Amino acid sequence: MYKENFEILYEEVYAPKLLPMDLLDNLKLDNYLEVNFQSTKDSIIAFTKCILPNGDTTQFKYTFIDNKLFTLEQFLDTNNTVLIYDRIREISKIMKEIQSSTLISVS
């Protein structure tokens, strides 16, 4: 478990998970309607519009820093979003698991 957690941590820190170019490739899929990109000082932000399996249309916002996915949000409506993925939160969660398993194995 300890080694697995370190491998997962390594992946969270260094793996891109998803690249901006992957979103362009997704336009080939039937359920992707559009992909739009914006550049900021230190990130690329992508907005996608997709058709969900239930037939509803929704938008997602992807934030990439250093070409790595950092956050993914889904727009429920114009005022409400759901955070689906947050790289910093995931790294923190794995580090807590490693610390907790270290404390258990030392005891």
Protein backbone atom coordinates (compact mmCIF):
# COMPACT_ATOMS: atom_id res chain seq x y z
CA MET A 1 0.00 0.00 0.00
CA TYR A 2 2.84 2.37 0.87
CA LYS A 3 4.60 1.87 -2.47
CA GLU A 4 1.29 2.16 -4.35
CA ASN A 5 0.57 5.49 -2.66
CA PHE A 6 3.96 6.84 -3.74
CA GLU A 7 3.31 5.72 -7.31
CA ILE A 8 -0.10 7.41 -7.24
CA LEU A 9 1.48 10.56 -5.76
CA TYR A 10 4.11 10.57 -8.50
CA GLU A 11 1.38 10.32 -11.15
CA GLU A 12 -0.60 13.18 -9.57
CA VAL A 13 2.43 15.43 -9.43
CA TYR A 14 4.02 14.68 -12.80
CA ALA A 15 1.48 13.12 -15.17
CA PRO A 16 -0.56 15.49 -17.31
CA LYS A 17 -3.76 13.37 -16.90
CA LEU A 18 -5.17 15.16 -19.92
CA LEU A 19 -3.55 17.47 -22.44
CA PRO A 20 -5.19 20.44 -24.15
CA MET A 21 -4.71 18.63 -27.46
CA ASP A 22 -6.78 15.72 -26.14
CA LEU A 23 -9.78 18.03 -25.99
CA LEU A 24 -9.34 18.86 -29.66
CA ASP A 25 -9.28 15.14 -30.44
CA ASN A 26 -12.54 14.78 -28.50
CA LEU A 27 -14.26 16.97 -31.08
CA LYS A 28 -14.32 13.85 -33.26
CA LEU A 29 -16.72 12.27 -30.74
CA ASP A 30 -20.45 12.62 -31.36
CA ASN A 31 -21.17 14.06 -27.91
CA TYR A 32 -18.65 16.95 -28.13
CA LEU A 33 -20.19 20.08 -29.63
CA GLU A 34 -17.40 22.63 -29.17
CA VAL A 35 -14.04 23.33 -27.54
CA ASN A 36 -12.77 26.87 -26.89
CA PHE A 37 -9.40 27.88 -25.48
CA GLN A 38 -8.24 30.99 -23.63
CA SER A 39 -4.72 31.87 -22.64
CA THR A 40 -3.86 33.57 -19.36
CA LYS A 41 -0.51 34.64 -17.96
CA ASP A 42 0.24 31.20 -16.50
CA SER A 43 -2.44 28.85 -17.78
CA ILE A 44 -4.61 27.62 -20.61
CA ILE A 45 -8.32 27.46 -19.94
CA ALA A 46 -10.56 25.31 -22.12
CA PHE A 47 -14.33 25.29 -22.23
CA THR A 48 -16.15 22.36 -23.77
CA LYS A 49 -19.79 21.88 -24.55
CA CYS A 50 -20.93 18.27 -24.48
CA ILE A 51 -24.04 16.16 -24.65
CA LEU A 52 -24.37 13.92 -21.60
CA PRO A 53 -25.62 10.30 -21.83
CA ASN A 54 -29.06 11.47 -20.61
CA GLY A 55 -29.29 13.91 -23.54
CA ASP A 56 -28.69 17.10 -21.53
CA THR A 57 -26.09 19.57 -22.77
CA THR A 58 -23.49 20.84 -20.31
CA GLN A 59 -20.25 22.79 -20.24
CA PHE A 60 -16.94 21.92 -18.63
CA LYS A 61 -14.02 24.18 -17.76
CA TYR A 62 -10.51 22.74 -17.80
CA THR A 63 -7.55 24.66 -16.36
CA PHE A 64 -4.09 23.59 -17.50
CA ILE A 65 -0.86 24.82 -15.95
CA ASP A 66 2.44 23.73 -17.52
CA ASN A 67 0.38 21.58 -19.87
CA LYS A 68 -1.04 19.59 -16.94
CA LEU A 69 -4.69 19.45 -15.98
CA PHE A 70 -5.09 21.29 -12.67
CA THR A 71 -8.83 21.65 -12.31
CA LEU A 72 -11.95 20.41 -14.02
CA GLU A 73 -15.34 21.98 -13.33
CA GLN A 74 -18.81 21.27 -14.67
CA PHE A 75 -21.30 24.09 -15.09
CA LEU A 76 -24.68 23.09 -13.69
CA ASP A 77 -26.15 26.43 -14.75
CA THR A 78 -24.86 29.98 -15.17
CA ASN A 79 -24.27 30.46 -11.43
CA ASN A 80 -23.35 26.99 -10.17
CA THR A 81 -20.37 24.76 -10.86
CA VAL A 82 -19.18 21.45 -9.48
CA LEU A 83 -15.48 20.87 -8.98
CA ILE A 84 -14.80 17.44 -10.47
CA TYR A 85 -11.02 17.36 -10.23
CA ASP A 86 -8.46 19.47 -8.38
CA ARG A 87 -4.84 18.35 -8.67
CA ILE A 88 -3.73 20.12 -5.46
CA ARG A 89 -6.57 18.54 -3.48
CA GLU A 90 -5.71 15.09 -4.87
CA ILE A 91 -2.02 15.48 -4.03
CA SER A 92 -2.92 16.60 -0.51
CA LYS A 93 -5.26 13.63 -0.05
CA ILE A 94 -2.59 11.14 -1.14
CA MET A 95 0.04 12.77 1.09
CA LYS A 96 -2.31 12.43 4.07
CA GLU A 97 -2.80 8.75 3.25
CA ILE A 98 0.98 8.26 3.09
CA GLN A 99 1.46 10.08 6.40
CA SER A 100 -1.29 8.07 8.04
CA SER A 101 0.08 4.75 6.78
CA THR A 102 3.55 5.78 7.97
CA LEU A 103 2.18 6.54 11.44
CA ILE A 104 0.37 3.20 11.56
CA SER A 105 3.42 1.18 10.47
CA VAL A 106 5.69 2.96 13.00
CA SER A 107 3.32 2.31 15.93
